[in-house]
Amino acid sequence: MSTPHWLPNRTSQEACDAALRNFERSYGYSATGVWAAPGRVNLIGEHVDYAGGICLPFALEQSTYVAISPRDDDTIRIESWLPSHSEPAKAELRAGNLGPGEISGWLGYALGPIWALREAGLLSPSARGYDVAIVSDVPLGSGLSSSAAIECAVASAVVELEKGDGALADDATRTAIIQAAIRAENEVVGASTGGLDQNISLQGKSGFALAIDFSTGQSYHVPCDLESHDLAILVIDSNAPHSLADGQYASRRGIIDAVTHYCQASTLRDIGDDTAIYAAAQQWATSTGADSDCTNRRVRHVVTEISRTLDAIESLKRADFQAFGCAMYASHKSLKEDYEVTVSQLDLIVDTAKDYGAIGARMTGGGFGGSAIALVPRAEVHPMAQAISRSFAQAEFAPPAFLQATPSPGARRER
């Protein structure tokens, strides 16, 4: 029998203590404070943020914690203790050298937002130094937005250090941080993210999902009261390789962006109704010699996913979890067949979950690995994990890992 592997879930106090200990051990003095920002699961609305669509994520308990102090010079010393790593990644660099082409990899996620915040005028243009110690409980490469958690935790910290405690309570400041984190990931890291992850990491709320409409920039919280209905969201990390910077994500987005630009629209959704969008996609494919069938399937996913998400939001408002679960299954089918971003492990999770009575299941995140989620009765969380573990063992896949997700707060100062 395959025993499910549950991801560790320490309390925020334990994570803060770890960040503070690491900071003092590395730098020899106490940090000014600790800020945190969460990972996320997206309940539905996948690969539509960059098309002006609507998404429905919630913030996870699992967060990235940043112990930090400002310096009197322009040196940044930073270390990051990542999940499952026995030694930290470390770097020392000048605060003026944080822009595109100057840093990459994990430093791009951690420090790129500082460059973007300066560019946006939210931080002083003078390049201030910091000592930084990062610990994270958001699994890497799992499709749970570990990257946005790092971006938003560091960005929140440096903004409140400069503008004072409580700056995060200001809507305009939060919006500016979100935009800076998106810009850093796009321009410094080179990953063409649409902004879902940064929005929920800053705007998460306990007991609520966040409906984000990327055509208007508006968002609103939707009650997600799973506990009173004896339900739970089970997150399953497929442990399949996962990266959004390897071109696969960008190639899907490239088609959507190209059709949008062909019509001189701001987003795909702005082109018009569904008929107009499909017609525009075919015209673009014909004019450029692109594969018309592939173009149609990519666009069809986006169009139908937006419609599904709008319906799912209304279902959640009514606490109609059966209808919500049906939308989850339909979303996964579209991501598998039309957008082609699933992998065998993700499909096996969803198939097994359905066979064992899950109300709904789908991949979450950008795909090509990462995680899936299942909406299940609370009493079935552990039996479902056992069933999925058995399926993986029979398929000779690397064992999956599990966590139970709870809608949680967004970025905040912890200490």
Protein backbone atom coordinates (compact mmCIF):
# COMPACT_ATOMS: atom_id res chain seq x y z
CA MET A 1 0.00 0.00 0.00
CA SER A 2 1.32 3.48 -0.94
CA THR A 3 1.39 5.86 2.01
CA PRO A 4 0.57 9.45 1.01
CA HIS A 5 3.27 12.04 1.57
CA TRP A 6 1.89 15.17 3.22
CA LEU A 7 3.80 18.40 2.77
CA PRO A 8 5.00 19.97 6.04
CA ASN A 9 2.80 22.79 7.30
CA ARG A 10 4.41 24.74 10.11
CA THR A 11 2.62 27.64 11.77
CA SER A 12 3.30 31.24 10.79
CA GLN A 13 4.95 31.73 14.18
CA GLU A 14 7.34 28.85 13.52
CA ALA A 15 8.18 30.19 10.06
CA CYS A 16 8.76 33.71 11.42
CA ASP A 17 11.02 32.34 14.12
CA ALA A 18 13.02 30.45 11.48
CA ALA A 19 13.44 33.56 9.34
CA LEU A 20 14.57 35.62 12.33
CA ARG A 21 17.03 32.93 13.48
CA ASN A 22 18.53 32.65 10.01
CA PHE A 23 18.84 36.42 9.74
CA GLU A 24 20.64 36.80 13.06
CA ARG A 25 22.92 33.84 12.39
CA SER A 26 23.94 35.23 9.00
CA TYR A 27 24.22 38.93 9.76
CA GLY A 28 24.93 39.09 13.48
CA TYR A 29 22.05 41.36 14.51
CA SER A 30 18.25 41.29 14.74
CA ALA A 31 16.04 41.99 11.74
CA THR A 32 13.78 45.04 11.67
CA GLY A 33 10.78 42.86 10.90
CA VAL A 34 9.27 39.92 9.05
CA TRP A 35 6.83 40.17 6.14
CA ALA A 36 4.98 37.29 4.50
CA ALA A 37 3.09 36.63 1.28
CA PRO A 38 1.23 33.44 0.36
CA GLY A 39 1.16 31.00 -2.49
CA ARG A 40 -2.17 30.26 -4.10
CA VAL A 41 -4.44 27.78 -5.76
CA ASN A 42 -6.61 28.87 -8.64
CA LEU A 43 -10.02 27.25 -8.30
CA ILE A 44 -10.95 27.97 -11.92
CA GLY A 45 -10.10 30.42 -14.69
CA GLU A 46 -6.80 29.09 -16.07
CA HIS A 47 -4.75 30.72 -18.80
CA VAL A 48 -7.22 33.57 -19.17
CA ASP A 49 -5.67 36.36 -17.08
CA TYR A 50 -3.56 37.58 -20.00
CA ALA A 51 -6.64 37.46 -22.26
CA GLY A 52 -8.75 39.82 -20.16
CA GLY A 53 -10.58 36.92 -18.56
CA ILE A 54 -11.74 36.27 -15.03
CA CYS A 55 -10.03 34.00 -12.49
CA LEU A 56 -10.98 32.67 -9.07
CA PRO A 57 -7.96 31.93 -6.85
CA PHE A 58 -7.54 31.89 -3.11
CA ALA A 59 -4.44 32.43 -1.01
CA LEU A 60 -2.85 29.48 0.78
CA GLU A 61 -1.66 29.25 4.36
CA GLN A 62 1.73 28.28 2.95
CA SER A 63 3.73 31.49 2.58
CA THR A 64 7.16 32.97 2.00
CA TYR A 65 8.62 34.86 4.97
CA VAL A 66 11.16 37.67 4.62
CA ALA A 67 13.22 38.89 7.58
CA ILE A 68 14.78 42.17 6.52
CA SER A 69 16.62 45.29 7.66
CA PRO A 70 17.64 48.37 5.67
CA ARG A 71 21.32 49.23 5.40
CA ASP A 72 23.14 52.58 5.31
CA ASP A 73 24.85 51.74 2.02
CA ASP A 74 23.81 50.30 -1.35
CA THR A 75 24.78 46.69 -0.66
CA ILE A 76 22.16 43.95 -0.68
CA ARG A 77 23.02 40.75 1.16
CA ILE A 78 20.40 38.07 0.66
CA GLU A 79 19.98 34.42 1.50
CA SER A 80 17.06 32.13 0.76
CA TRP A 81 16.29 28.89 2.55
CA LEU A 82 14.10 27.06 0.08
CA PRO A 83 11.87 24.06 0.83
CA SER A 84 13.81 20.77 0.92
CA HIS A 85 17.20 22.56 0.57
CA SER A 86 19.72 21.90 3.35
CA GLU A 87 21.80 25.00 2.56
CA PRO A 88 20.67 28.50 1.61
CA ALA A 89 21.23 30.20 -1.71
CA LYS A 90 23.23 33.38 -1.07
CA ALA A 91 24.21 36.51 -2.96
CA GLU A 92 25.71 39.94 -2.39
CA LEU A 93 25.23 42.70 -4.95
CA ARG A 94 24.68 46.41 -5.45
CA ALA A 95 21.16 47.73 -5.12
CA GLY A 96 21.51 49.67 -8.36
CA ASN A 97 22.01 46.48 -10.37
CA LEU A 98 18.60 44.80 -10.14
CA GLY A 99 17.08 45.43 -13.56
CA PRO A 100 16.63 43.33 -16.71
CA GLY A 101 19.83 41.62 -17.77
CA GLU A 102 21.51 42.25 -14.42
CA ILE A 103 20.01 39.46 -12.29
CA SER A 104 18.24 36.20 -13.09
CA GLY A 105 16.82 33.05 -11.52
CA TRP A 106 15.75 33.27 -7.89
CA LEU A 107 17.37 36.69 -7.52
CA GLY A 108 15.12 37.99 -10.29
CA TYR A 109 12.04 36.94 -8.34
CA ALA A 110 13.36 38.18 -5.00
CA LEU A 111 14.94 41.49 -6.01
CA GLY A 112 13.46 42.37 -9.40
CA PRO A 113 10.42 43.94 -7.71
CA ILE A 114 12.69 46.45 -5.95
CA TRP A 115 13.87 47.68 -9.36
CA ALA A 116 10.27 47.82 -10.62
CA LEU A 117 9.09 49.70 -7.52
CA ARG A 118 11.82 52.29 -8.02
CA GLU A 119 10.91 52.59 -11.69
CA ALA A 120 7.27 53.18 -10.69
CA GLY A 121 8.20 55.84 -8.15
CA LEU A 122 6.95 53.89 -5.14
CA LEU A 123 10.47 53.72 -3.70
CA SER A 124 13.11 56.42 -3.58
CA PRO A 125 15.24 56.43 -6.75
CA SER A 126 18.37 56.16 -4.60
CA ALA A 127 19.52 52.55 -4.48
CA ARG A 128 19.16 51.52 -0.86
CA GLY A 129 20.73 48.34 0.48
CA TYR A 130 19.14 45.64 2.62
CA ASP A 131 20.04 42.52 4.54
CA VAL A 132 17.49 39.82 3.73
CA ALA A 133 16.79 36.27 4.94
CA ILE A 134 14.01 34.33 3.22
CA VAL A 135 12.30 31.11 4.24
CA SER A 136 9.44 29.62 2.25
CA ASP A 137 6.81 26.99 2.87
CA VAL A 138 5.40 27.24 -0.68
CA PRO A 139 6.57 24.14 -2.59
CA LEU A 140 8.85 25.00 -5.51
CA GLY A 141 7.78 24.03 -9.02
CA SER A 142 4.39 22.86 -7.82
CA GLY A 143 2.25 25.39 -9.67
CA LEU A 144 1.28 27.06 -6.37
CA SER A 145 3.00 30.35 -7.18
CA SER A 146 6.15 30.20 -5.11
CA SER A 147 7.55 32.90 -7.41
CA ALA A 148 4.82 35.46 -6.70
CA ALA A 149 5.04 34.70 -2.97
CA ILE A 150 8.72 35.70 -2.98
CA GLU A 151 8.08 38.76 -5.14
CA CYS A 152 5.20 40.03 -3.03
CA ALA A 153 6.82 39.33 0.34
CA VAL A 154 9.99 41.26 -0.54
CA ALA A 155 8.06 44.06 -2.26
CA SER A 156 5.69 44.45 0.69
CA ALA A 157 8.62 44.58 3.09
CA VAL A 158 10.62 47.27 1.29
CA VAL A 159 7.53 49.43 0.71
CA GLU A 160 6.50 49.37 4.37
CA LEU A 161 10.09 49.95 5.48
CA GLU A 162 10.14 53.12 3.38
CA LYS A 163 6.55 54.33 3.75
CA GLY A 164 5.78 53.05 7.24
CA ASP A 165 3.64 50.35 8.82
CA GLY A 166 0.16 50.20 7.37
CA ALA A 167 1.16 51.09 3.81
CA LEU A 168 -0.22 47.74 2.65
CA ALA A 169 -3.68 48.77 3.82
CA ASP A 170 -3.82 51.40 1.07
CA ASP A 171 -5.50 50.09 -2.09
CA ALA A 172 -3.37 52.22 -4.42
CA THR A 173 -0.17 51.01 -2.77
CA ARG A 174 -1.23 47.37 -3.04
CA THR A 175 -2.08 47.87 -6.70
CA ALA A 176 1.32 49.44 -7.34
CA ILE A 177 3.07 46.52 -5.63
CA ILE A 178 1.08 44.06 -7.74
CA GLN A 179 2.07 45.85 -10.94
CA ALA A 180 5.72 46.02 -9.88
CA ALA A 181 5.81 42.29 -9.13
CA ILE A 182 4.22 41.50 -12.50
CA ARG A 183 6.71 43.75 -14.29
CA ALA A 184 9.64 42.14 -12.49
CA GLU A 185 8.54 38.63 -13.45
CA ASN A 186 7.93 39.66 -17.06
CA GLU A 187 10.98 41.85 -17.65
CA VAL A 188 13.62 40.71 -15.15
CA VAL A 189 12.89 36.98 -14.97
CA GLY A 190 11.47 36.66 -18.49
CA ALA A 191 8.34 34.68 -17.57
CA SER A 192 5.22 36.00 -19.32
CA THR A 193 2.88 35.88 -16.32
CA GLY A 194 -0.51 37.55 -16.60
CA GLY A 195 -0.85 38.79 -13.02
CA LEU A 196 -3.23 36.36 -11.34
CA ASP A 197 -0.61 35.17 -8.85
CA GLN A 198 0.51 38.61 -7.74
CA ASN A 199 -3.09 39.81 -7.32
CA ILE A 200 -4.11 37.03 -4.98
CA SER A 201 -0.84 37.09 -3.04
CA LEU A 202 -1.53 40.74 -2.12
CA GLN A 203 -5.32 40.53 -1.80
CA GLY A 204 -6.04 37.15 -0.21
CA LYS A 205 -8.61 37.02 2.61
CA SER A 206 -9.42 34.27 5.11
CA GLY A 207 -12.51 32.32 4.09
CA PHE A 208 -12.79 33.92 0.66
CA ALA A 209 -11.71 33.38 -2.92
CA LEU A 210 -10.93 36.41 -5.08
CA ALA A 211 -12.70 36.95 -8.40
CA ILE A 212 -10.32 38.98 -10.59
CA ASP A 213 -11.62 40.47 -13.83
CA PHE A 214 -8.60 41.27 -15.98
CA SER A 215 -10.62 43.17 -18.56
CA THR A 216 -11.58 45.84 -16.03
CA GLY A 217 -8.89 45.44 -13.38
CA GLN A 218 -11.62 45.02 -10.77
CA SER A 219 -11.72 42.28 -8.16
CA TYR A 220 -14.07 41.21 -5.41
CA HIS A 221 -14.08 38.58 -2.70
CA VAL A 222 -16.41 35.58 -2.98
CA PRO A 223 -17.29 33.54 0.14
CA CYS A 224 -15.63 30.14 0.01
CA ASP A 225 -17.07 28.48 3.08
CA LEU A 226 -15.95 24.91 2.60
CA GLU A 227 -15.81 23.95 6.26
CA SER A 228 -19.48 24.52 7.07
CA HIS A 229 -20.39 22.27 4.13
CA ASP A 230 -17.95 19.57 5.31
CA LEU A 231 -15.86 20.01 2.16
CA ALA A 232 -12.17 20.51 1.54
CA ILE A 233 -9.78 21.38 -1.26
CA LEU A 234 -7.06 18.76 -1.55
CA VAL A 235 -3.94 19.98 -3.36
CA ILE A 236 -1.89 17.29 -5.09
CA ASP A 237 1.64 18.16 -6.19
CA SER A 238 2.27 15.85 -9.14
CA ASN A 239 6.05 16.09 -8.70
CA ALA A 240 6.31 16.25 -12.48
CA PRO A 241 8.87 18.82 -13.68
CA HIS A 242 7.41 22.30 -13.82
CA SER A 243 8.71 25.54 -15.33
CA LEU A 244 6.97 28.52 -16.90
CA ALA A 245 10.17 29.99 -18.35
CA ASP A 246 10.87 27.20 -20.84
CA GLY A 247 8.77 28.57 -23.70
CA GLN A 248 5.66 26.37 -23.42
CA TYR A 249 3.64 28.93 -21.47
CA ALA A 250 4.86 31.71 -23.73
CA SER A 251 3.90 29.83 -26.89
CA ARG A 252 0.27 29.52 -25.75
CA ARG A 253 0.12 33.13 -24.70
CA GLY A 254 1.80 34.14 -27.95
CA ILE A 255 -1.18 32.94 -30.01
CA ILE A 256 -3.66 34.78 -27.81
CA ASP A 257 -1.58 37.96 -27.89
CA ALA A 258 -1.12 37.74 -31.66
CA VAL A 259 -4.85 37.44 -32.34
CA THR A 260 -5.46 40.33 -29.96
CA HIS A 261 -2.89 42.57 -31.64
CA TYR A 262 -4.19 41.60 -35.08
CA CYS A 263 -7.52 43.12 -34.05
CA GLN A 264 -5.85 46.12 -32.39
CA ALA A 265 -7.62 45.24 -29.16
CA SER A 266 -6.33 45.51 -25.61
CA THR A 267 -7.24 41.91 -24.74
CA LEU A 268 -8.82 38.96 -26.52
CA ARG A 269 -12.02 39.57 -24.57
CA ASP A 270 -12.19 43.13 -25.92
CA ILE A 271 -12.47 41.91 -29.53
CA GLY A 272 -16.19 41.29 -29.09
CA ASP A 273 -18.55 38.39 -28.51
CA ASP A 274 -17.54 34.76 -28.92
CA THR A 275 -18.40 34.71 -32.63
CA ALA A 276 -16.23 37.76 -33.28
CA ILE A 277 -13.31 36.25 -31.38
CA TYR A 278 -13.44 32.97 -33.31
CA ALA A 279 -13.67 34.83 -36.61
CA ALA A 280 -10.71 37.01 -35.69
CA ALA A 281 -8.65 33.95 -34.78
CA GLN A 282 -9.33 32.33 -38.15
CA GLN A 283 -8.52 35.55 -40.00
CA TRP A 284 -5.22 35.85 -38.14
CA ALA A 285 -4.31 32.21 -38.81
CA THR A 286 -5.10 32.58 -42.52
CA SER A 287 -3.15 35.82 -42.86
CA THR A 288 -0.05 34.48 -41.11
CA GLY A 289 -0.10 30.86 -42.26
CA ALA A 290 -0.47 29.64 -38.68
CA ASP A 291 -2.09 26.28 -37.97
CA SER A 292 -5.79 27.15 -37.99
CA ASP A 293 -6.87 24.08 -36.01
CA CYS A 294 -4.33 24.77 -33.27
CA THR A 295 -5.29 28.44 -33.20
CA ASN A 296 -8.98 27.60 -32.90
CA ARG A 297 -8.40 25.17 -30.04
CA ARG A 298 -6.24 27.62 -28.11
CA VAL A 299 -8.79 30.40 -28.51
CA ARG A 300 -11.69 28.04 -27.75
CA HIS A 301 -10.16 27.18 -24.40
CA VAL A 302 -9.90 30.83 -23.42
CA VAL A 303 -13.42 31.69 -24.56
CA THR A 304 -15.07 28.71 -22.87
CA GLU A 305 -12.95 29.01 -19.71
CA ILE A 306 -14.08 32.60 -19.21
CA SER A 307 -17.72 31.51 -19.54
CA ARG A 308 -17.17 28.55 -17.19
CA THR A 309 -15.55 30.76 -14.60
CA LEU A 310 -18.38 33.29 -14.61
CA ASP A 311 -20.86 30.45 -14.10
CA ALA A 312 -18.68 28.87 -11.40
CA ILE A 313 -18.53 32.13 -9.44
CA GLU A 314 -22.32 32.26 -9.37
CA SER A 315 -22.39 28.61 -8.26
CA LEU A 316 -20.00 29.38 -5.41
CA LYS A 317 -22.12 32.34 -4.31
CA ARG A 318 -25.10 29.95 -4.07
CA ALA A 319 -22.94 27.32 -2.37
CA ASP A 320 -23.88 24.99 -5.24
CA PHE A 321 -20.76 22.88 -5.01
CA GLN A 322 -22.02 20.18 -7.38
CA ALA A 323 -22.29 22.72 -10.20
CA PHE A 324 -18.93 24.16 -9.21
CA GLY A 325 -17.36 20.69 -9.36
CA CYS A 326 -18.76 20.07 -12.85
CA ALA A 327 -17.13 23.31 -13.99
CA MET A 328 -13.80 22.13 -12.55
CA TYR A 329 -13.93 18.89 -14.53
CA ALA A 330 -14.88 20.76 -17.72
CA SER A 331 -12.01 23.17 -17.17
CA HIS A 332 -9.50 20.34 -16.94
CA LYS A 333 -10.85 18.71 -20.09
CA SER A 334 -10.39 21.96 -21.99
CA LEU A 335 -6.88 22.47 -20.61
CA LYS A 336 -6.02 18.93 -21.67
CA GLU A 337 -7.58 18.82 -25.12
CA ASP A 338 -7.66 22.42 -26.36
CA TYR A 339 -4.81 24.18 -24.56
CA GLU A 340 -2.65 21.06 -24.16
CA VAL A 341 -0.95 22.12 -20.94
CA THR A 342 -1.57 19.03 -18.81
CA VAL A 343 0.79 16.08 -18.40
CA SER A 344 0.09 12.42 -17.70
CA GLN A 345 0.47 12.84 -13.94
CA LEU A 346 -2.08 15.66 -13.79
CA ASP A 347 -4.54 13.70 -15.92
CA LEU A 348 -4.13 10.65 -13.69
CA ILE A 349 -4.87 12.72 -10.59
CA VAL A 350 -8.09 14.07 -12.09
CA ASP A 351 -9.19 10.68 -13.43
CA THR A 352 -8.53 8.98 -10.10
CA ALA A 353 -10.27 11.73 -8.16
CA LYS A 354 -13.34 11.37 -10.37
CA ASP A 355 -13.34 7.58 -10.04
CA TYR A 356 -13.23 7.88 -6.25
CA GLY A 357 -16.07 10.37 -5.97
CA ALA A 358 -14.49 13.82 -5.94
CA ILE A 359 -17.06 16.55 -6.54
CA GLY A 360 -14.63 18.26 -8.90
CA ALA A 361 -10.96 18.18 -9.88
CA ARG A 362 -8.63 19.99 -12.26
CA MET A 363 -5.05 21.01 -12.78
CA THR A 364 -4.18 24.39 -11.27
CA GLY A 365 -1.52 26.85 -12.32
CA GLY A 366 0.25 27.14 -15.63
CA GLY A 367 0.44 23.40 -16.24
CA PHE A 368 3.25 21.30 -17.79
CA GLY A 369 3.65 19.73 -14.35
CA GLY A 370 2.80 21.30 -11.04
CA SER A 371 -0.35 20.58 -9.09
CA ALA A 372 -3.99 19.59 -9.34
CA ILE A 373 -6.80 20.23 -6.89
CA ALA A 374 -9.78 18.12 -5.88
CA LEU A 375 -12.98 19.25 -4.17
CA VAL A 376 -13.90 16.43 -1.81
CA PRO A 377 -15.99 15.74 1.30
CA ARG A 378 -13.81 16.49 4.31
CA ALA A 379 -14.04 12.89 5.50
CA GLU A 380 -12.63 11.71 2.17
CA VAL A 381 -9.43 13.79 2.17
CA HIS A 382 -7.16 11.01 3.41
CA PRO A 383 -8.83 8.16 1.48
CA MET A 384 -8.57 10.28 -1.69
CA ALA A 385 -4.87 10.88 -1.05
CA GLN A 386 -4.37 7.14 -0.61
CA ALA A 387 -6.20 6.37 -3.86
CA ILE A 388 -4.13 8.87 -5.85
CA SER A 389 -0.91 7.57 -4.29
CA ARG A 390 -1.85 4.03 -5.35
CA SER A 391 -2.58 5.17 -8.89
CA PHE A 392 0.83 6.85 -9.11
CA ALA A 393 2.58 3.75 -7.79
CA GLN A 394 0.80 1.56 -10.34
CA ALA A 395 1.79 3.96 -13.14
CA GLU A 396 5.38 4.00 -11.83
CA PHE A 397 5.35 7.78 -11.41
CA ALA A 398 7.29 9.55 -8.67
CA PRO A 399 5.07 9.78 -5.59
CA PRO A 400 2.82 12.84 -5.36
CA ALA A 401 2.64 15.10 -2.31
CA PHE A 402 -0.46 16.47 -0.63
CA LEU A 403 -1.72 19.39 1.37
CA GLN A 404 -5.16 20.55 2.44
CA ALA A 405 -5.77 24.12 1.31
CA THR A 406 -7.57 26.78 3.33
CA PRO A 407 -8.46 30.28 2.02
CA SER A 408 -6.01 32.51 3.89
CA PRO A 409 -4.78 36.12 4.19
CA GLY A 410 -2.63 37.90 1.64
CA ALA A 411 0.67 39.74 2.13
CA ARG A 412 1.14 41.21 5.60
CA ARG A 413 3.68 42.13 8.25
CA GLU A 414 4.05 39.24 10.69
CA ARG A 415 6.50 40.73 13.23
